[in-house]
C-alpha cells in the first residue's frame, strides 16, 4: 500500500561536531517521497525519499550558504539528495532496519536506517496516518564532502560523522 510523506508533520534533522567540542544541528525543510508500507509483511516494504539540498537550514545564513556551495552539497550542480531502500529487515513488531542507497552529489553509497514504527491513527478528516522514526550516521567524506580546516589548537573544524534523525508521518493513499 502506498503512503505519502506528510511534510508538515515530518522532519529530517542532522548534526555534526563543530570544532570537536559541540554539535551543530540543522534540518532539510523540503523533501518528498513515498513509502510502500506492507502492513502484513513489513519486510516487503520500500522507501524512496528525495530531499531538496538547497533547503538545508542550520539557523545561520553564512553557514547554510557554505553548505550549499561546491565545498559541500554543491546545490547548483546537485540539487537533490535521495534515499532508496533495497531491503527491510524486521527486528520485532515495532523496530526494523532499512537498508538502502543514499545519493549525495551523484555518489551513491549504502546506509542503514534503524527504524521504529510508532503506530497508526485516523485523522478527523478520514485519512489514516502512520508514524516512523529512524536514525543513521555516516562519514561525509565517503560522499566527497571533504572540506575542512585544521584548528590552531589541534583537531578539525567540522566533524566527519553526520548523524541523521528522521520523523515521518505518512498518509495512506486509498485506491
N, C-alpha and C. Protein backbone atom coordinates (compact mmCIF):
# COMPACT_ATOMS: atom_id res chain seq x y z
N UNK A 1 0.84 -1.18 0.00
CA UNK A 1 0.00 0.00 0.00
C UNK A 1 0.88 1.24 0.00
N UNK A 2 0.55 2.18 -0.84
CA UNK A 2 1.33 3.40 -0.97
C UNK A 2 0.94 4.41 0.11
N UNK A 3 1.97 5.00 0.69
CA UNK A 3 1.81 6.05 1.69
C UNK A 3 2.67 7.24 1.25
N UNK A 4 2.16 8.45 1.40
CA UNK A 4 2.92 9.65 1.06
C UNK A 4 3.37 10.34 2.34
N UNK A 5 4.52 10.96 2.28
CA UNK A 5 5.04 11.71 3.42
C UNK A 5 4.20 12.97 3.61
N UNK A 6 3.80 13.21 4.85
CA UNK A 6 3.12 14.45 5.22
C UNK A 6 4.21 15.43 5.67
N UNK A 7 4.62 16.35 4.80
CA UNK A 7 5.78 17.20 5.12
C UNK A 7 5.55 18.13 6.31
N UNK A 8 4.31 18.50 6.59
CA UNK A 8 4.08 19.43 7.71
C UNK A 8 4.15 18.73 9.06
N UNK A 9 4.22 17.40 9.06
CA UNK A 9 4.33 16.63 10.30
C UNK A 9 5.53 15.69 10.27
N UNK A 10 6.52 16.03 9.46
CA UNK A 10 7.72 15.19 9.31
C UNK A 10 8.95 16.08 9.35
N UNK A 11 10.09 15.47 9.66
CA UNK A 11 11.33 16.24 9.71
C UNK A 11 12.54 15.35 9.47
N UNK A 12 13.52 15.91 8.76
CA UNK A 12 14.82 15.25 8.57
C UNK A 12 15.86 16.18 9.17
N UNK A 13 16.46 15.75 10.28
CA UNK A 13 17.45 16.55 11.00
C UNK A 13 18.83 15.94 10.84
N UNK A 14 19.85 16.77 11.03
CA UNK A 14 21.22 16.28 11.02
C UNK A 14 22.03 17.02 12.06
N UNK A 15 23.12 16.39 12.49
CA UNK A 15 24.04 17.06 13.40
C UNK A 15 25.47 16.62 13.08
N UNK A 16 26.41 17.56 13.28
CA UNK A 16 27.82 17.33 13.01
C UNK A 16 28.62 18.06 14.09
N UNK A 17 29.71 17.47 14.52
CA UNK A 17 30.58 18.12 15.50
C UNK A 17 31.21 19.37 14.91
N UNK A 18 31.28 20.43 15.74
CA UNK A 18 31.91 21.69 15.36
C UNK A 18 33.09 21.93 16.29
N UNK A 19 34.27 22.10 15.74
CA UNK A 19 35.50 22.34 16.48
C UNK A 19 35.75 21.26 17.54
N UNK A 20 35.18 20.11 17.33
CA UNK A 20 35.37 18.94 18.19
C UNK A 20 34.79 19.12 19.59
N UNK A 21 34.02 20.19 19.83
CA UNK A 21 33.53 20.45 21.18
C UNK A 21 32.01 20.54 21.29
N UNK A 22 31.33 20.79 20.19
CA UNK A 22 29.87 20.92 20.25
C UNK A 22 29.27 20.32 18.98
N UNK A 23 27.95 20.21 18.97
CA UNK A 23 27.26 19.73 17.78
C UNK A 23 26.45 20.86 17.16
N UNK A 24 26.57 20.99 15.84
CA UNK A 24 25.72 21.91 15.10
C UNK A 24 24.59 21.08 14.51
N UNK A 25 23.37 21.58 14.70
CA UNK A 25 22.19 20.86 14.22
C UNK A 25 21.52 21.66 13.10
N UNK A 26 20.89 20.93 12.23
CA UNK A 26 20.15 21.55 11.16
C UNK A 26 19.08 20.60 10.65
N UNK A 27 18.36 21.05 9.66
CA UNK A 27 17.34 20.19 9.05
C UNK A 27 17.15 20.58 7.59
N UNK A 28 16.51 19.68 6.87
CA UNK A 28 16.10 19.97 5.50
C UNK A 28 14.62 20.33 5.54
N UNK A 29 14.28 21.50 5.03
CA UNK A 29 12.90 21.99 5.10
C UNK A 29 12.00 21.39 4.02
N UNK A 30 12.59 20.94 2.90
CA UNK A 30 11.78 20.47 1.78
C UNK A 30 12.23 19.07 1.35
N UNK A 31 11.29 18.14 1.39
CA UNK A 31 11.54 16.77 0.95
C UNK A 31 10.20 16.13 0.63
N UNK A 32 10.26 15.06 -0.14
CA UNK A 32 9.04 14.34 -0.50
C UNK A 32 9.40 12.88 -0.72
N UNK A 33 8.38 12.07 -0.80
CA UNK A 33 8.66 10.68 -1.06
C UNK A 33 7.46 9.79 -0.84
N UNK A 34 7.68 8.54 -1.18
CA UNK A 34 6.65 7.52 -0.99
C UNK A 34 7.22 6.36 -0.24
N UNK A 35 6.36 5.77 0.56
CA UNK A 35 6.71 4.55 1.28
C UNK A 35 5.67 3.51 0.91
N UNK A 36 6.12 2.38 0.44
CA UNK A 36 5.22 1.25 0.21
C UNK A 36 5.28 0.42 1.48
N UNK A 37 4.41 0.75 2.43
CA UNK A 37 4.39 0.10 3.73
C UNK A 37 3.45 -1.10 3.66
N UNK A 38 4.02 -2.29 3.69
CA UNK A 38 3.25 -3.53 3.64
C UNK A 38 2.95 -3.94 5.08
N UNK A 39 1.72 -3.65 5.52
CA UNK A 39 1.34 -3.90 6.91
C UNK A 39 1.35 -5.38 7.25
N UNK A 40 1.04 -6.23 6.30
CA UNK A 40 1.00 -7.68 6.54
C UNK A 40 2.39 -8.29 6.55
N UNK A 41 3.30 -7.72 5.75
CA UNK A 41 4.65 -8.23 5.64
C UNK A 41 5.61 -7.05 5.56
N UNK A 42 5.95 -6.43 6.72
CA UNK A 42 6.79 -5.23 6.70
C UNK A 42 8.13 -5.41 5.96
N UNK A 43 8.65 -6.61 5.91
CA UNK A 43 9.92 -6.84 5.20
C UNK A 43 9.78 -6.60 3.70
N UNK A 44 8.56 -6.58 3.19
CA UNK A 44 8.31 -6.33 1.77
C UNK A 44 8.08 -4.84 1.48
N UNK A 45 8.28 -3.99 2.47
CA UNK A 45 8.08 -2.55 2.32
C UNK A 45 9.26 -1.90 1.59
N UNK A 46 9.05 -0.69 1.10
CA UNK A 46 10.12 0.05 0.44
C UNK A 46 9.97 1.55 0.69
N UNK A 47 11.07 2.28 0.52
CA UNK A 47 11.12 3.72 0.79
C UNK A 47 11.85 4.40 -0.35
N UNK A 48 11.35 5.56 -0.78
CA UNK A 48 12.00 6.38 -1.80
C UNK A 48 11.78 7.84 -1.41
N UNK A 49 12.83 8.53 -0.97
CA UNK A 49 12.71 9.90 -0.48
C UNK A 49 13.70 10.79 -1.24
N UNK A 50 13.22 11.95 -1.67
CA UNK A 50 14.05 12.94 -2.34
C UNK A 50 14.06 14.21 -1.49
N UNK A 51 15.26 14.75 -1.27
CA UNK A 51 15.44 15.93 -0.42
C UNK A 51 15.97 17.07 -1.28
N UNK A 52 15.38 18.25 -1.12
CA UNK A 52 15.86 19.45 -1.79
C UNK A 52 17.11 19.93 -1.04
N UNK A 53 18.28 19.77 -1.64
CA UNK A 53 19.55 20.11 -0.98
C UNK A 53 19.61 21.58 -0.58
N UNK A 54 18.99 22.46 -1.36
CA UNK A 54 19.06 23.89 -1.05
C UNK A 54 18.18 24.27 0.13
N UNK A 55 17.39 23.33 0.65
CA UNK A 55 16.52 23.64 1.78
C UNK A 55 17.19 23.41 3.13
N UNK A 56 18.51 23.16 3.12
CA UNK A 56 19.22 22.96 4.39
C UNK A 56 19.14 24.23 5.23
N UNK A 57 18.91 24.05 6.53
CA UNK A 57 18.76 25.18 7.44
C UNK A 57 19.43 24.84 8.76
N UNK A 58 20.50 25.57 9.08
CA UNK A 58 21.20 25.38 10.36
C UNK A 58 21.08 26.62 11.24
N UNK A 59 20.17 27.52 10.90
CA UNK A 59 19.92 28.76 11.64
C UNK A 59 21.07 29.77 11.52
N UNK A 60 21.88 29.63 10.49
CA UNK A 60 22.97 30.57 10.26
C UNK A 60 23.13 30.72 8.74
N UNK A 61 22.73 31.87 8.22
CA UNK A 61 22.73 32.07 6.76
C UNK A 61 24.10 31.88 6.13
N UNK A 62 25.16 32.35 6.79
CA UNK A 62 26.50 32.20 6.24
C UNK A 62 26.90 30.73 6.17
N UNK A 63 26.64 29.99 7.24
CA UNK A 63 26.97 28.55 7.25
C UNK A 63 26.12 27.82 6.21
N UNK A 64 24.83 28.14 6.14
CA UNK A 64 23.96 27.49 5.15
C UNK A 64 24.47 27.75 3.73
N UNK A 65 24.91 28.97 3.47
CA UNK A 65 25.48 29.29 2.15
C UNK A 65 26.71 28.46 1.86
N UNK A 66 27.56 28.27 2.87
CA UNK A 66 28.76 27.45 2.67
C UNK A 66 28.37 25.99 2.43
N UNK A 67 27.38 25.49 3.16
CA UNK A 67 26.93 24.11 2.97
C UNK A 67 26.34 23.89 1.58
N UNK A 68 25.76 24.92 0.99
CA UNK A 68 25.18 24.82 -0.35
C UNK A 68 26.23 24.96 -1.45
N UNK A 69 27.43 25.41 -1.09
CA UNK A 69 28.49 25.68 -2.06
C UNK A 69 29.16 24.39 -2.54
N UNK A 70 30.05 24.51 -3.55
CA UNK A 70 30.79 23.34 -4.03
C UNK A 70 31.66 22.67 -2.96
N UNK A 71 31.98 23.36 -1.86
CA UNK A 71 32.74 22.73 -0.78
C UNK A 71 31.97 21.57 -0.14
N UNK A 72 30.64 21.66 -0.17
CA UNK A 72 29.81 20.65 0.46
C UNK A 72 28.77 20.09 -0.53
N UNK A 73 27.52 20.54 -0.43
CA UNK A 73 26.44 19.92 -1.21
C UNK A 73 26.44 20.32 -2.69
N UNK A 74 26.99 21.47 -3.02
CA UNK A 74 27.04 21.95 -4.41
C UNK A 74 25.65 21.89 -5.05
N UNK A 75 24.72 22.63 -4.45
CA UNK A 75 23.31 22.55 -4.85
C UNK A 75 23.04 23.02 -6.28
N UNK A 76 23.90 23.86 -6.83
CA UNK A 76 23.71 24.29 -8.22
C UNK A 76 23.84 23.10 -9.17
N UNK A 77 24.82 22.26 -8.92
CA UNK A 77 25.06 21.11 -9.80
C UNK A 77 24.28 19.86 -9.35
N UNK A 78 24.05 19.72 -8.05
CA UNK A 78 23.38 18.54 -7.50
C UNK A 78 22.24 18.99 -6.59
N UNK A 79 21.08 19.31 -7.17
CA UNK A 79 20.00 19.93 -6.39
C UNK A 79 19.28 19.01 -5.40
N UNK A 80 19.47 17.70 -5.53
CA UNK A 80 18.74 16.81 -4.63
C UNK A 80 19.65 15.75 -4.01
N UNK A 81 19.21 15.28 -2.86
CA UNK A 81 19.75 14.09 -2.22
C UNK A 81 18.64 13.06 -2.30
N UNK A 82 18.98 11.78 -2.30
CA UNK A 82 17.93 10.77 -2.44
C UNK A 82 18.30 9.51 -1.66
N UNK A 83 17.31 8.93 -1.00
CA UNK A 83 17.47 7.64 -0.34
C UNK A 83 16.46 6.68 -0.96
N UNK A 84 16.96 5.53 -1.43
CA UNK A 84 16.10 4.48 -1.99
C UNK A 84 16.45 3.17 -1.28
N UNK A 85 15.45 2.58 -0.66
CA UNK A 85 15.70 1.33 0.06
C UNK A 85 15.85 0.17 -0.91
N UNK A 86 16.57 -0.86 -0.46
CA UNK A 86 16.64 -2.09 -1.26
C UNK A 86 16.32 -3.33 -0.42
N UNK A 87 16.14 -3.12 0.91
CA UNK A 87 15.78 -4.26 1.77
C UNK A 87 15.34 -3.73 3.13
N UNK A 88 14.34 -4.39 3.70
CA UNK A 88 13.87 -4.07 5.05
C UNK A 88 14.00 -5.33 5.88
N UNK A 89 14.62 -5.18 7.03
CA UNK A 89 14.80 -6.30 7.97
C UNK A 89 13.95 -6.01 9.20
N UNK A 90 13.04 -6.92 9.54
CA UNK A 90 12.19 -6.77 10.72
C UNK A 90 12.96 -7.27 11.94
N UNK A 91 13.04 -6.43 12.98
CA UNK A 91 13.69 -6.81 14.23
C UNK A 91 12.64 -7.32 15.22
N UNK A 92 11.53 -6.58 15.36
CA UNK A 92 10.38 -7.01 16.17
C UNK A 92 9.15 -6.26 15.67
N UNK A 93 8.06 -6.28 16.42
CA UNK A 93 6.80 -5.67 15.97
C UNK A 93 6.91 -4.17 15.70
N UNK A 94 7.85 -3.51 16.32
CA UNK A 94 7.95 -2.05 16.17
C UNK A 94 9.29 -1.56 15.64
N UNK A 95 10.24 -2.44 15.50
CA UNK A 95 11.58 -2.00 15.07
C UNK A 95 12.05 -2.77 13.85
N UNK A 96 12.85 -2.08 13.06
CA UNK A 96 13.42 -2.71 11.87
C UNK A 96 14.64 -1.95 11.40
N UNK A 97 15.26 -2.48 10.38
CA UNK A 97 16.41 -1.84 9.76
C UNK A 97 16.11 -1.71 8.28
N UNK A 98 16.32 -0.51 7.77
CA UNK A 98 16.06 -0.24 6.35
C UNK A 98 17.41 -0.04 5.67
N UNK A 99 17.74 -0.94 4.78
CA UNK A 99 18.98 -0.89 4.02
C UNK A 99 18.70 -0.19 2.69
N UNK A 100 19.58 0.71 2.28
CA UNK A 100 19.36 1.38 1.01
C UNK A 100 20.57 2.19 0.59
N UNK A 101 20.39 2.92 -0.50
CA UNK A 101 21.44 3.74 -1.06
C UNK A 101 21.09 5.21 -0.87
N UNK A 102 22.04 5.95 -0.31
CA UNK A 102 21.92 7.39 -0.16
C UNK A 102 22.78 8.03 -1.24
N UNK A 103 22.16 8.92 -2.02
CA UNK A 103 22.88 9.60 -3.10
C UNK A 103 23.03 11.07 -2.73
N UNK A 104 24.30 11.51 -2.68
CA UNK A 104 24.65 12.90 -2.44
C UNK A 104 25.70 13.27 -3.48
N UNK A 105 25.47 14.36 -4.22
CA UNK A 105 26.42 14.80 -5.26
C UNK A 105 26.69 13.69 -6.28
N UNK A 106 25.66 12.95 -6.66
CA UNK A 106 25.74 11.85 -7.63
C UNK A 106 26.61 10.69 -7.16
N UNK A 107 26.92 10.63 -5.88
CA UNK A 107 27.64 9.50 -5.30
C UNK A 107 26.64 8.71 -4.47
N UNK A 108 26.46 7.44 -4.82
CA UNK A 108 25.54 6.57 -4.08
C UNK A 108 26.34 5.59 -3.23
N UNK A 109 25.99 5.55 -1.95
CA UNK A 109 26.66 4.66 -1.00
C UNK A 109 25.59 4.03 -0.11
N UNK A 110 25.84 2.82 0.36
CA UNK A 110 24.86 2.17 1.24
C UNK A 110 24.83 2.78 2.64
N UNK A 111 23.63 2.87 3.19
CA UNK A 111 23.42 3.26 4.58
C UNK A 111 22.33 2.36 5.16
N UNK A 112 22.30 2.28 6.48
CA UNK A 112 21.27 1.51 7.17
C UNK A 112 20.56 2.44 8.14
N UNK A 113 19.24 2.48 8.03
CA UNK A 113 18.42 3.26 8.96
C UNK A 113 17.89 2.33 10.04
N UNK A 114 18.10 2.67 11.30
CA UNK A 114 17.46 1.96 12.40
C UNK A 114 16.11 2.62 12.58
N UNK A 115 15.04 1.87 12.32
CA UNK A 115 13.71 2.46 12.25
C UNK A 115 12.79 1.91 13.33
N UNK A 116 11.84 2.77 13.72
CA UNK A 116 10.83 2.37 14.69
C UNK A 116 9.45 2.77 14.15
N UNK A 117 8.53 1.83 14.15
CA UNK A 117 7.14 2.08 13.77
C UNK A 117 6.42 2.54 15.02
N UNK A 118 5.83 3.74 14.99
CA UNK A 118 5.19 4.29 16.19
C UNK A 118 3.68 4.21 16.18
N UNK A 119 3.09 3.56 15.17
CA UNK A 119 1.65 3.31 15.17
C UNK A 119 0.88 4.05 14.10
N UNK A 120 -0.44 3.87 14.15
CA UNK A 120 -1.35 4.47 13.19
C UNK A 120 -2.50 5.16 13.92
N UNK A 121 -3.11 6.13 13.24
CA UNK A 121 -4.28 6.83 13.78
C UNK A 121 -5.13 7.33 12.62
N UNK A 122 -6.43 7.42 12.87
CA UNK A 122 -7.36 8.03 11.92
C UNK A 122 -7.45 9.52 12.21
N UNK A 123 -7.33 10.34 11.18
CA UNK A 123 -7.44 11.78 11.38
C UNK A 123 -8.91 12.19 11.42
N UNK A 124 -9.20 13.41 11.88
CA UNK A 124 -10.58 13.91 11.85
C UNK A 124 -11.12 14.08 10.43
N UNK A 125 -10.24 14.02 9.42
CA UNK A 125 -10.64 14.19 8.03
C UNK A 125 -10.82 12.86 7.31
N UNK A 126 -10.72 11.74 8.06
CA UNK A 126 -10.96 10.43 7.50
C UNK A 126 -9.76 9.74 6.89
N UNK A 127 -8.60 10.36 6.95
CA UNK A 127 -7.40 9.72 6.43
C UNK A 127 -6.72 8.89 7.52
N UNK A 128 -5.88 7.97 7.10
CA UNK A 128 -5.12 7.17 8.04
C UNK A 128 -3.66 7.59 7.97
N UNK A 129 -3.07 7.85 9.13
CA UNK A 129 -1.66 8.24 9.21
C UNK A 129 -0.89 7.19 9.99
N UNK A 130 0.37 7.01 9.62
CA UNK A 130 1.28 6.12 10.33
C UNK A 130 2.54 6.90 10.65
N UNK A 131 3.18 6.55 11.77
CA UNK A 131 4.39 7.25 12.18
C UNK A 131 5.60 6.35 12.22
N UNK A 132 6.74 6.93 11.84
CA UNK A 132 8.01 6.22 11.87
C UNK A 132 9.10 7.17 12.34
N UNK A 133 10.03 6.64 13.10
CA UNK A 133 11.25 7.35 13.48
C UNK A 133 12.42 6.53 12.95
N UNK A 134 13.50 7.20 12.57
CA UNK A 134 14.68 6.48 12.09
C UNK A 134 15.93 7.30 12.36
N UNK A 135 17.04 6.60 12.53
CA UNK A 135 18.33 7.25 12.72
C UNK A 135 19.39 6.52 11.91
N UNK A 136 20.42 7.25 11.54
CA UNK A 136 21.59 6.67 10.90
C UNK A 136 22.75 7.64 11.09
N UNK A 137 23.93 7.20 10.78
CA UNK A 137 25.09 8.09 10.74
C UNK A 137 26.01 7.61 9.63
N UNK A 138 26.80 8.53 9.11
CA UNK A 138 27.71 8.18 8.02
C UNK A 138 28.89 9.14 8.01
N UNK A 139 29.94 8.74 7.34
CA UNK A 139 31.14 9.55 7.18
C UNK A 139 30.97 10.39 5.91
N UNK A 140 30.87 11.68 6.08
CA UNK A 140 30.58 12.58 4.95
C UNK A 140 31.64 12.52 3.86
N UNK A 141 32.87 12.18 4.22
CA UNK A 141 33.94 12.12 3.22
C UNK A 141 33.69 11.03 2.18
N UNK A 142 32.92 10.01 2.53
CA UNK A 142 32.61 8.94 1.57
C UNK A 142 31.73 9.44 0.42
N UNK A 143 31.13 10.61 0.57
CA UNK A 143 30.31 11.22 -0.48
C UNK A 143 31.02 12.42 -1.11
N UNK A 144 32.31 12.58 -0.84
CA UNK A 144 33.06 13.69 -1.41
C UNK A 144 32.88 15.00 -0.68
N UNK A 145 32.35 14.97 0.54
CA UNK A 145 32.15 16.19 1.33
C UNK A 145 33.33 16.35 2.28
N UNK A 146 34.49 16.59 1.71
CA UNK A 146 35.72 16.54 2.48
C UNK A 146 36.28 17.87 2.97
N UNK A 147 35.62 19.00 2.64
CA UNK A 147 36.17 20.29 3.05
C UNK A 147 36.34 20.32 4.57
N UNK A 148 37.45 20.93 5.04
CA UNK A 148 37.68 21.09 6.45
C UNK A 148 38.80 22.09 6.67
N UNK A 149 39.01 22.46 7.93
CA UNK A 149 40.12 23.30 8.32
C UNK A 149 40.72 22.73 9.60
N UNK A 150 42.04 22.77 9.69
CA UNK A 150 42.73 22.35 10.90
C UNK A 150 42.69 23.50 11.91
N UNK A 151 42.43 23.16 13.16
CA UNK A 151 42.38 24.17 14.20
C UNK A 151 43.77 24.44 14.76
N UNK A 152 44.00 25.67 15.17
CA UNK A 152 45.28 26.07 15.76
C UNK A 152 45.62 25.22 16.99
N UNK A 153 44.60 24.82 17.74
CA UNK A 153 44.81 24.03 18.96
C UNK A 153 44.83 22.54 18.70
N UNK A 154 44.78 22.14 17.43
CA UNK A 154 44.71 20.73 17.06
C UNK A 154 43.28 20.34 16.77
N UNK A 155 43.12 19.30 16.02
CA UNK A 155 41.77 18.88 15.65
C UNK A 155 41.29 19.55 14.38
N UNK A 156 39.99 19.40 14.11
CA UNK A 156 39.41 19.91 12.87
C UNK A 156 38.16 20.74 13.16
N UNK A 157 37.80 21.59 12.21
CA UNK A 157 36.65 22.48 12.36
C UNK A 157 35.33 21.72 12.27
N UNK A 158 35.21 20.83 11.27
CA UNK A 158 33.95 20.12 11.03
C UNK A 158 34.18 18.62 11.19
N UNK A 159 33.38 17.98 12.03
CA UNK A 159 33.50 16.54 12.23
C UNK A 159 33.16 15.78 10.95
N UNK A 160 33.68 14.57 10.85
CA UNK A 160 33.41 13.74 9.67
C UNK A 160 32.09 12.99 9.77
N UNK A 161 31.66 12.68 10.98
CA UNK A 161 30.46 11.87 11.18
C UNK A 161 29.21 12.75 11.16
N UNK A 162 28.28 12.40 10.28
CA UNK A 162 26.99 13.08 10.19
C UNK A 162 25.94 12.16 10.82
N UNK A 163 25.23 12.69 11.82
CA UNK A 163 24.15 11.94 12.45
C UNK A 163 22.83 12.44 11.88
N UNK A 164 21.95 11.52 11.51
CA UNK A 164 20.67 11.86 10.90
C UNK A 164 19.55 11.29 11.76
N UNK A 165 18.55 12.13 11.99
CA UNK A 165 17.37 11.72 12.74
C UNK A 165 16.14 12.08 11.91
N UNK A 166 15.25 11.11 11.73
CA UNK A 166 14.10 11.30 10.85
C UNK A 166 12.81 11.00 11.61
N UNK A 167 11.85 11.88 11.47
CA UNK A 167 10.49 11.66 11.98
C UNK A 167 9.56 11.78 10.79
N UNK A 168 8.84 10.71 10.48
CA UNK A 168 7.92 10.74 9.34
C UNK A 168 6.50 10.43 9.79
N UNK A 169 5.58 11.24 9.31
CA UNK A 169 4.17 10.91 9.38
C UNK A 169 3.72 10.67 7.95
N UNK A 170 3.18 9.48 7.72
CA UNK A 170 2.76 9.09 6.39
C UNK A 170 1.24 9.07 6.30
N UNK A 171 0.72 9.41 5.13
CA UNK A 171 -0.72 9.37 4.89
C UNK A 171 -1.01 8.27 3.88
N UNK A 172 -1.88 7.35 4.28
CA UNK A 172 -2.26 6.22 3.43
C UNK A 172 -2.99 6.74 2.20
N UNK A 173 -2.58 6.24 1.04
CA UNK A 173 -3.19 6.61 -0.22
C UNK A 173 -4.25 5.56 -0.59
N UNK A 174 -5.48 5.94 -0.52
CA UNK A 174 -6.58 4.99 -0.80
C UNK A 174 -6.74 4.81 -2.29
N UNK A 175 -7.10 3.58 -2.64
CA UNK A 175 -7.44 3.30 -4.03
C UNK A 175 -6.37 2.83 -4.87
